[in-house]
Amino acid sequence: MQQAQINKNLCNHYKEQIQQWITLNEYYEGSLSKYEKVKRFVGKHKWFFVIATTVIAKSYVAYDVIEGWISKIV
C-alpha cells in the first residue's frame, strides 16, 4: 500500500471513532434526568455563579457605604 492510502484509511478510522464517541455522548446526555442536567450545568459554570454572587455582594456593600456617606452629610 502506498503511504497516501494508509493515511486515508487511518483518517477514516479516526473519523468513525469520533462519530461513535459523539453518538455515545448524545445517548448519555439524552438519558440524564432534569436534575442531573442542572447539576452538570452548575458544575460546568461554577465560576459564573461565584463571580455573580461576588459582584452582587460587593454591590450591596458599596450601597451600604454610600448610604453611610449620605447619612453623614445629611
PDB file of N, CA and C in Angstrom:
ATOM      1  N   MET A   1       0.836  -1.199   0.000  1.00  0.00           N
ATOM      2  CA  MET A   1       0.000   0.000   0.000  1.00  0.00           C
ATOM      3  C   MET A   1       0.870   1.248   0.000  1.00  0.00           C
ATOM      4  N   GLN A   2       0.375   2.219  -0.660  1.00  0.00           N
ATOM      5  CA  GLN A   2       1.105   3.474  -0.655  1.00  0.00           C
ATOM      6  C   GLN A   2       0.810   4.228   0.631  1.00  0.00           C
ATOM      7  N   GLN A   3       1.687   5.129   0.949  1.00  0.00           N
ATOM      8  CA  GLN A   3       1.540   5.921   2.182  1.00  0.00           C
ATOM      9  C   GLN A   3       0.261   6.758   2.157  1.00  0.00           C
ATOM     10  N   ALA A   4      -0.119   7.258   0.996  1.00  0.00           N
ATOM     11  CA  ALA A   4      -1.336   8.075   0.882  1.00  0.00           C
ATOM     12  C   ALA A   4      -2.572   7.252   1.247  1.00  0.00           C
ATOM     13  N   GLN A   5      -2.621   6.004   0.781  1.00  0.00           N
ATOM     14  CA  GLN A   5      -3.763   5.133   1.084  1.00  0.00           C
ATOM     15  C   GLN A   5      -3.791   4.781   2.571  1.00  0.00           C
ATOM     16  N   ILE A   6      -2.633   4.544   3.146  1.00  0.00           N
ATOM     17  CA  ILE A   6      -2.543   4.255   4.583  1.00  0.00           C
ATOM     18  C   ILE A   6      -3.053   5.446   5.385  1.00  0.00           C
ATOM     19  N   ASN A   7      -2.626   6.640   4.997  1.00  0.00           N
ATOM     20  CA  ASN A   7      -3.080   7.854   5.691  1.00  0.00           C
ATOM     21  C   ASN A   7      -4.587   8.042   5.560  1.00  0.00           C
ATOM     22  N   LYS A   8      -5.122   7.750   4.364  1.00  0.00           N
ATOM     23  CA  LYS A   8      -6.567   7.890   4.140  1.00  0.00           C
ATOM     24  C   LYS A   8      -7.339   6.905   5.020  1.00  0.00           C
ATOM     25  N   ASN A   9      -6.875   5.663   5.082  1.00  0.00           N
ATOM     26  CA  ASN A   9      -7.534   4.656   5.915  1.00  0.00           C
ATOM     27  C   ASN A   9      -7.479   5.041   7.393  1.00  0.00           C
ATOM     28  N   LEU A  10      -6.337   5.547   7.814  1.00  0.00           N
ATOM     29  CA  LEU A  10      -6.174   5.972   9.200  1.00  0.00           C
ATOM     30  C   LEU A  10      -7.114   7.132   9.524  1.00  0.00           C
ATOM     31  N   CYS A  11      -7.198   8.074   8.588  1.00  0.00           N
ATOM     32  CA  CYS A  11      -8.089   9.225   8.769  1.00  0.00           C
ATOM     33  C   CYS A  11      -9.541   8.756   8.874  1.00  0.00           C
ATOM     34  N   ASN A  12      -9.943   7.833   8.008  1.00  0.00           N
ATOM     35  CA  ASN A  12     -11.312   7.305   8.053  1.00  0.00           C
ATOM     36  C   ASN A  12     -11.580   6.584   9.369  1.00  0.00           C
ATOM     37  N   HIS A  13     -10.585   5.844   9.846  1.00  0.00           N
ATOM     38  CA  HIS A  13     -10.739   5.145  11.127  1.00  0.00           C
ATOM     39  C   HIS A  13     -11.011   6.144  12.253  1.00  0.00           C
ATOM     40  N   TYR A  14     -10.230   7.229  12.296  1.00  0.00           N
ATOM     41  CA  TYR A  14     -10.415   8.220  13.355  1.00  0.00           C
ATOM     42  C   TYR A  14     -11.742   8.962  13.212  1.00  0.00           C
ATOM     43  N   LYS A  15     -12.168   9.214  11.987  1.00  0.00           N
ATOM     44  CA  LYS A  15     -13.474   9.848  11.768  1.00  0.00           C
ATOM     45  C   LYS A  15     -14.593   8.964  12.320  1.00  0.00           C
ATOM     46  N   GLU A  16     -14.510   7.662  12.033  1.00  0.00           N
ATOM     47  CA  GLU A  16     -15.513   6.724  12.541  1.00  0.00           C
ATOM     48  C   GLU A  16     -15.489   6.672  14.066  1.00  0.00           C
ATOM     49  N   GLN A  17     -14.298   6.657  14.640  1.00  0.00           N
ATOM     50  CA  GLN A  17     -14.161   6.605  16.102  1.00  0.00           C
ATOM     51  C   GLN A  17     -14.766   7.847  16.745  1.00  0.00           C
ATOM     52  N   ILE A  18     -14.482   9.008  16.172  1.00  0.00           N
ATOM     53  CA  ILE A  18     -15.031  10.261  16.706  1.00  0.00           C
ATOM     54  C   ILE A  18     -16.548  10.255  16.596  1.00  0.00           C
ATOM     55  N   GLN A  19     -17.084   9.771  15.477  1.00  0.00           N
ATOM     56  CA  GLN A  19     -18.538   9.713  15.305  1.00  0.00           C
ATOM     57  C   GLN A  19     -19.159   8.777  16.343  1.00  0.00           C
ATOM     58  N   GLN A  20     -18.507   7.678  16.655  1.00  0.00           N
ATOM     59  CA  GLN A  20     -19.010   6.766  17.687  1.00  0.00           C
ATOM     60  C   GLN A  20     -19.027   7.454  19.050  1.00  0.00           C
ATOM     61  N   TRP A  21     -17.974   8.210  19.364  1.00  0.00           N
ATOM     62  CA  TRP A  21     -17.924   8.923  20.647  1.00  0.00           C
ATOM     63  C   TRP A  21     -19.036   9.964  20.732  1.00  0.00           C
ATOM     64  N   ILE A  22     -19.272  10.669  19.628  1.00  0.00           N
ATOM     65  CA  ILE A  22     -20.342  11.677  19.606  1.00  0.00           C
ATOM     66  C   ILE A  22     -21.689  11.009  19.839  1.00  0.00           C
ATOM     67  N   THR A  23     -21.922   9.888  19.172  1.00  0.00           N
ATOM     68  CA  THR A  23     -23.186   9.162  19.332  1.00  0.00           C
ATOM     69  C   THR A  23     -23.363   8.683  20.770  1.00  0.00           C
ATOM     70  N   LEU A  24     -22.312   8.110  21.354  1.00  0.00           N
ATOM     71  CA  LEU A  24     -22.390   7.653  22.744  1.00  0.00           C
ATOM     72  C   LEU A  24     -22.670   8.813  23.694  1.00  0.00           C
ATOM     73  N   ASN A  25     -22.028   9.944  23.454  1.00  0.00           N
ATOM     74  CA  ASN A  25     -22.232  11.124  24.292  1.00  0.00           C
ATOM     75  C   ASN A  25     -23.671  11.631  24.172  1.00  0.00           C
ATOM     76  N   GLU A  26     -24.218  11.633  22.956  1.00  0.00           N
ATOM     77  CA  GLU A  26     -25.600  12.071  22.761  1.00  0.00           C
ATOM     78  C   GLU A  26     -26.575  11.139  23.483  1.00  0.00           C
ATOM     79  N   TYR A  27     -26.334   9.833  23.407  1.00  0.00           N
ATOM     80  CA  TYR A  27     -27.183   8.877  24.130  1.00  0.00           C
ATOM     81  C   TYR A  27     -27.106   9.114  25.635  1.00  0.00           C
ATOM     82  N   TYR A  28     -25.887   9.335  26.129  1.00  0.00           N
ATOM     83  CA  TYR A  28     -25.704   9.555  27.565  1.00  0.00           C
ATOM     84  C   TYR A  28     -26.427  10.822  28.014  1.00  0.00           C
ATOM     85  N   GLU A  29     -26.223  11.919  27.294  1.00  0.00           N
ATOM     86  CA  GLU A  29     -26.866  13.174  27.675  1.00  0.00           C
ATOM     87  C   GLU A  29     -28.386  13.085  27.549  1.00  0.00           C
ATOM     88  N   GLY A  30     -28.865  12.312  26.586  1.00  0.00           N
ATOM     89  CA  GLY A  30     -30.300  12.122  26.425  1.00  0.00           C
ATOM     90  C   GLY A  30     -30.908  11.314  27.559  1.00  0.00           C
ATOM     91  N   SER A  31     -30.105  10.493  28.216  1.00  0.00           N
ATOM     92  CA  SER A  31     -30.618   9.644  29.290  1.00  0.00           C
ATOM     93  C   SER A  31     -30.603  10.335  30.654  1.00  0.00           C
ATOM     94  N   LEU A  32     -29.991  11.518  30.741  1.00  0.00           N
ATOM     95  CA  LEU A  32     -29.904  12.209  32.028  1.00  0.00           C
ATOM     96  C   LEU A  32     -31.261  12.766  32.446  1.00  0.00           C
ATOM     97  N   SER A  33     -31.507  12.742  33.748  1.00  0.00           N
ATOM     98  CA  SER A  33     -32.726  13.360  34.268  1.00  0.00           C
ATOM     99  C   SER A  33     -32.537  14.872  34.299  1.00  0.00           C
ATOM    100  N   LYS A  34     -33.637  15.587  34.527  1.00  0.00           N
ATOM    101  CA  LYS A  34     -33.566  17.047  34.592  1.00  0.00           C
ATOM    102  C   LYS A  34     -32.612  17.483  35.710  1.00  0.00           C
ATOM    103  N   TYR A  35     -32.696  16.826  36.852  1.00  0.00           N
ATOM    104  CA  TYR A  35     -31.823  17.144  37.991  1.00  0.00           C
ATOM    105  C   TYR A  35     -30.357  16.958  37.617  1.00  0.00           C
ATOM    106  N   GLU A  36     -30.045  15.838  36.954  1.00  0.00           N
ATOM    107  CA  GLU A  36     -28.662  15.564  36.571  1.00  0.00           C
ATOM    108  C   GLU A  36     -28.153  16.586  35.554  1.00  0.00           C
ATOM    109  N   LYS A  37     -29.041  17.032  34.646  1.00  0.00           N
ATOM    110  CA  LYS A  37     -28.648  18.050  33.667  1.00  0.00           C
ATOM    111  C   LYS A  37     -28.348  19.374  34.359  1.00  0.00           C
ATOM    112  N   VAL A  38     -29.191  19.761  35.326  1.00  0.00           N
ATOM    113  CA  VAL A  38     -28.963  21.009  36.063  1.00  0.00           C
ATOM    114  C   VAL A  38     -27.674  20.905  36.863  1.00  0.00           C
ATOM    115  N   LYS A  39     -27.481  19.769  37.531  1.00  0.00           N
ATOM    116  CA  LYS A  39     -26.271  19.562  38.328  1.00  0.00           C
ATOM    117  C   LYS A  39     -25.024  19.654  37.447  1.00  0.00           C
ATOM    118  N   ARG A  40     -25.090  19.069  36.276  1.00  0.00           N
ATOM    119  CA  ARG A  40     -23.956  19.107  35.349  1.00  0.00           C
ATOM    120  C   ARG A  40     -23.702  20.534  34.857  1.00  0.00           C
ATOM    121  N   PHE A  41     -24.783  21.266  34.543  1.00  0.00           N
ATOM    122  CA  PHE A  41     -24.648  22.653  34.088  1.00  0.00           C
ATOM    123  C   PHE A  41     -24.001  23.513  35.164  1.00  0.00           C
ATOM    124  N   VAL A  42     -24.483  23.369  36.396  1.00  0.00           N
ATOM    125  CA  VAL A  42     -23.931  24.157  37.503  1.00  0.00           C
ATOM    126  C   VAL A  42     -22.467  23.789  37.720  1.00  0.00           C
ATOM    127  N   GLY A  43     -22.147  22.522  37.630  1.00  0.00           N
ATOM    128  CA  GLY A  43     -20.761  22.092  37.791  1.00  0.00           C
ATOM    129  C   GLY A  43     -19.835  22.696  36.750  1.00  0.00           C
ATOM    130  N   LYS A  44     -20.327  22.825  35.525  1.00  0.00           N
ATOM    131  CA  LYS A  44     -19.506  23.394  34.455  1.00  0.00           C
ATOM    132  C   LYS A  44     -19.391  24.909  34.563  1.00  0.00           C
ATOM    133  N   HIS A  45     -20.378  25.549  35.191  1.00  0.00           N
ATOM    134  CA  HIS A  45     -20.427  27.012  35.207  1.00  0.00           C
ATOM    135  C   HIS A  45     -20.312  27.588  36.612  1.00  0.00           C
ATOM    136  N   LYS A  46     -19.623  26.868  37.508  1.00  0.00           N
ATOM    137  CA  LYS A  46     -19.450  27.352  38.887  1.00  0.00           C
ATOM    138  C   LYS A  46     -18.810  28.726  38.919  1.00  0.00           C
ATOM    139  N   TRP A  47     -17.820  28.930  38.084  1.00  0.00           N
ATOM    140  CA  TRP A  47     -17.093  30.202  38.074  1.00  0.00           C
ATOM    141  C   TRP A  47     -18.046  31.368  37.852  1.00  0.00           C
ATOM    142  N   PHE A  48     -19.046  31.181  36.976  1.00  0.00           N
ATOM    143  CA  PHE A  48     -20.000  32.256  36.702  1.00  0.00           C
ATOM    144  C   PHE A  48     -20.819  32.574  37.945  1.00  0.00           C
ATOM    145  N   PHE A  49     -21.291  31.539  38.631  1.00  0.00           N
ATOM    146  CA  PHE A  49     -22.101  31.756  39.830  1.00  0.00           C
ATOM    147  C   PHE A  49     -21.279  32.413  40.935  1.00  0.00           C
ATOM    148  N   VAL A  50     -20.018  32.030  41.048  1.00  0.00           N
ATOM    149  CA  VAL A  50     -19.144  32.640  42.060  1.00  0.00           C
ATOM    150  C   VAL A  50     -18.942  34.118  41.755  1.00  0.00           C
ATOM    151  N   ILE A  51     -18.653  34.437  40.502  1.00  0.00           N
ATOM    152  CA  ILE A  51     -18.439  35.841  40.127  1.00  0.00           C
ATOM    153  C   ILE A  51     -19.717  36.653  40.304  1.00  0.00           C
ATOM    154  N   ALA A  52     -20.853  36.115  39.871  1.00  0.00           N
ATOM    155  CA  ALA A  52     -22.121  36.836  40.006  1.00  0.00           C
ATOM    156  C   ALA A  52     -22.447  37.088  41.471  1.00  0.00           C
ATOM    157  N   THR A  53     -22.263  36.093  42.317  1.00  0.00           N
ATOM    158  CA  THR A  53     -22.521  36.252  43.746  1.00  0.00           C
ATOM    159  C   THR A  53     -21.585  37.291  44.351  1.00  0.00           C
ATOM    160  N   THR A  54     -20.326  37.263  43.951  1.00  0.00           N
ATOM    161  CA  THR A  54     -19.353  38.232  44.459  1.00  0.00           C
ATOM    162  C   THR A  54     -19.726  39.649  44.043  1.00  0.00           C
ATOM    163  N   VAL A  55     -20.104  39.828  42.796  1.00  0.00           N
ATOM    164  CA  VAL A  55     -20.491  41.159  42.306  1.00  0.00           C
ATOM    165  C   VAL A  55     -21.714  41.670  43.051  1.00  0.00           C
ATOM    166  N   ILE A  56     -22.703  40.812  43.245  1.00  0.00           N
ATOM    167  CA  ILE A  56     -23.916  41.219  43.966  1.00  0.00           C
ATOM    168  C   ILE A  56     -23.573  41.581  45.404  1.00  0.00           C
ATOM    169  N   ALA A  57     -22.766  40.760  46.058  1.00  0.00           N
ATOM    170  CA  ALA A  57     -22.384  41.036  47.449  1.00  0.00           C
ATOM    171  C   ALA A  57     -21.610  42.347  47.547  1.00  0.00           C
ATOM    172  N   LYS A  58     -20.682  42.562  46.632  1.00  0.00           N
ATOM    173  CA  LYS A  58     -19.897  43.806  46.654  1.00  0.00           C
ATOM    174  C   LYS A  58     -20.783  45.014  46.387  1.00  0.00           C
ATOM    175  N   SER A  59     -21.782  44.865  45.520  1.00  0.00           N
ATOM    176  CA  SER A  59     -22.660  45.999  45.230  1.00  0.00           C
ATOM    177  C   SER A  59     -23.486  46.352  46.464  1.00  0.00           C
ATOM    178  N   TYR A  60     -23.904  45.353  47.234  1.00  0.00           N
ATOM    179  CA  TYR A  60     -24.640  45.643  48.470  1.00  0.00           C
ATOM    180  C   TYR A  60     -23.740  46.337  49.489  1.00  0.00           C
ATOM    181  N   VAL A  61     -22.486  45.908  49.581  1.00  0.00           N
ATOM    182  CA  VAL A  61     -21.537  46.548  50.494  1.00  0.00           C
ATOM    183  C   VAL A  61     -21.301  47.984  50.048  1.00  0.00           C
ATOM    184  N   ALA A  62     -21.117  48.193  48.742  1.00  0.00           N
ATOM    185  CA  ALA A  62     -20.910  49.546  48.215  1.00  0.00           C
ATOM    186  C   ALA A  62     -22.141  50.405  48.481  1.00  0.00           C
ATOM    187  N   TYR A  63     -23.321  49.826  48.332  1.00  0.00           N
ATOM    188  CA  TYR A  63     -24.560  50.559  48.596  1.00  0.00           C
ATOM    189  C   TYR A  63     -24.598  51.011  50.054  1.00  0.00           C
ATOM    190  N   ASP A  64     -24.227  50.118  50.978  1.00  0.00           N
ATOM    191  CA  ASP A  64     -24.212  50.464  52.406  1.00  0.00           C
ATOM    192  C   ASP A  64     -23.194  51.563  52.693  1.00  0.00           C
ATOM    193  N   VAL A  65     -22.040  51.504  52.052  1.00  0.00           N
ATOM    194  CA  VAL A  65     -21.004  52.521  52.257  1.00  0.00           C
ATOM    195  C   VAL A  65     -21.494  53.877  51.758  1.00  0.00           C
ATOM    196  N   ILE A  66     -22.058  53.895  50.565  1.00  0.00           N
ATOM    197  CA  ILE A  66     -22.566  55.158  50.006  1.00  0.00           C
ATOM    198  C   ILE A  66     -23.705  55.696  50.864  1.00  0.00           C
ATOM    199  N   GLU A  67     -24.576  54.815  51.318  1.00  0.00           N
ATOM    200  CA  GLU A  67     -25.672  55.238  52.189  1.00  0.00           C
ATOM    201  C   GLU A  67     -25.119  55.847  53.482  1.00  0.00           C
ATOM    202  N   GLY A  68     -24.037  55.268  54.011  1.00  0.00           N
ATOM    203  CA  GLY A  68     -23.391  55.814  55.208  1.00  0.00           C
ATOM    204  C   GLY A  68     -22.823  57.195  54.957  1.00  0.00           C
ATOM    205  N   TRP A  69     -22.205  57.398  53.798  1.00  0.00           N
ATOM    206  CA  TRP A  69     -21.673  58.720  53.463  1.00  0.00           C
ATOM    207  C   TRP A  69     -22.795  59.750  53.374  1.00  0.00           C
ATOM    208  N   ILE A  70     -23.888  59.348  52.716  1.00  0.00           N
ATOM    209  CA  ILE A  70     -25.011  60.282  52.547  1.00  0.00           C
ATOM    210  C   ILE A  70     -25.620  60.626  53.894  1.00  0.00           C
ATOM    211  N   SER A  71     -25.764  59.634  54.761  1.00  0.00           N
ATOM    212  CA  SER A  71     -26.369  59.905  56.072  1.00  0.00           C
ATOM    213  C   SER A  71     -25.475  60.818  56.913  1.00  0.00           C
ATOM    214  N   LYS A  72     -24.158  60.752  56.727  1.00  0.00           N
ATOM    215  CA  LYS A  72     -23.249  61.641  57.457  1.00  0.00           C
ATOM    216  C   LYS A  72     -23.362  63.069  56.930  1.00  0.00           C
ATOM    217  N   ILE A  73     -23.565  63.203  55.631  1.00  0.00           N
ATOM    218  CA  ILE A  73     -23.674  64.534  55.029  1.00  0.00           C
ATOM    219  C   ILE A  73     -24.993  65.192  55.418  1.00  0.00           C
ATOM    220  N   VAL A  74     -26.055  64.428  55.402  1.00  0.00           N
ATOM    221  CA  VAL A  74     -27.392  64.972  55.686  1.00  0.00           C
ATOM    222  C   VAL A  74     -27.596  65.001  57.142  1.00  0.00           C
TER     223      VAL A  74
END
